[in-house]
Amino acid sequence: MTEWWYNNKTGEVEEGPQSLGQDRDGPFATREDAVRAPQIIAERARKWAEDEARER
């Protein structure tokens, strides 16, 4: 099964881990999800922040 990664340094999508771990996010199941990585990460961070605020 192919894994897709988003390279934060270049903004490119990689098939399989090709760059340094500190420069990439993933893995993602599809290329389309890797393309949307910045939006997906922002959505997850927002949800985690909301959940944490509710727990206080």
Protein backbone atom coordinates (compact mmCIF):
# COMPACT_ATOMS: atom_id res chain seq x y z
CA MET A 1 0.00 0.00 0.00
CA THR A 2 1.39 3.38 -1.01
CA GLU A 3 1.74 6.09 1.60
CA TRP A 4 1.73 9.76 0.69
CA TRP A 5 3.57 12.57 2.47
CA TYR A 6 3.40 16.35 2.34
CA ASN A 7 6.77 18.13 2.31
CA ASN A 8 6.46 21.31 4.39
CA LYS A 9 9.70 22.74 3.03
CA THR A 10 8.85 22.46 -0.66
CA GLY A 11 5.04 22.21 -0.59
CA GLU A 12 5.29 19.08 -2.72
CA VAL A 13 3.57 15.72 -2.26
CA GLU A 14 5.83 12.66 -2.08
CA GLU A 15 5.01 9.05 -2.80
CA GLY A 16 6.64 7.28 0.10
CA PRO A 17 8.94 9.07 2.53
CA GLN A 18 11.58 10.80 0.41
CA SER A 19 12.65 13.77 2.51
CA LEU A 20 13.77 14.29 6.10
CA GLY A 21 11.14 13.51 8.72
CA GLN A 22 11.27 17.06 10.08
CA ASP A 23 10.26 18.40 6.65
CA ARG A 24 7.21 16.21 6.05
CA ASP A 25 3.77 15.38 7.41
CA GLY A 26 2.03 12.08 6.97
CA PRO A 27 1.54 9.44 6.05
CA PHE A 28 -1.72 9.99 4.24
CA ALA A 29 -3.71 7.19 2.59
CA THR A 30 -4.28 9.09 -0.66
CA ARG A 31 -2.47 11.64 -2.76
CA GLU A 32 -5.51 13.91 -2.48
CA ASP A 33 -5.29 13.90 1.32
CA ALA A 34 -1.57 14.70 1.16
CA VAL A 35 -2.31 17.66 -1.13
CA ARG A 36 -4.78 18.90 1.50
CA ALA A 37 -2.33 18.28 4.37
CA PRO A 38 -2.10 21.93 5.51
CA GLN A 39 -5.89 22.19 5.74
CA ILE A 40 -6.26 18.78 7.43
CA ILE A 41 -3.58 19.66 9.99
CA ALA A 42 -5.18 23.05 10.72
CA GLU A 43 -8.59 21.40 11.19
CA ARG A 44 -7.16 18.79 13.57
CA ALA A 45 -5.28 21.43 15.59
CA ARG A 46 -8.43 23.55 15.89
CA LYS A 47 -10.45 20.53 17.08
CA TRP A 48 -7.77 19.52 19.61
CA ALA A 49 -7.69 23.09 20.97
CA GLU A 50 -11.49 23.12 21.30
CA ASP A 51 -11.49 19.72 23.02
CA GLU A 52 -8.75 20.82 25.42
CA ALA A 53 -10.62 24.03 26.25
CA ARG A 54 -13.77 22.00 27.07
CA GLU A 55 -11.82 19.73 29.43
CA ARG A 56 -10.73 22.66 31.59
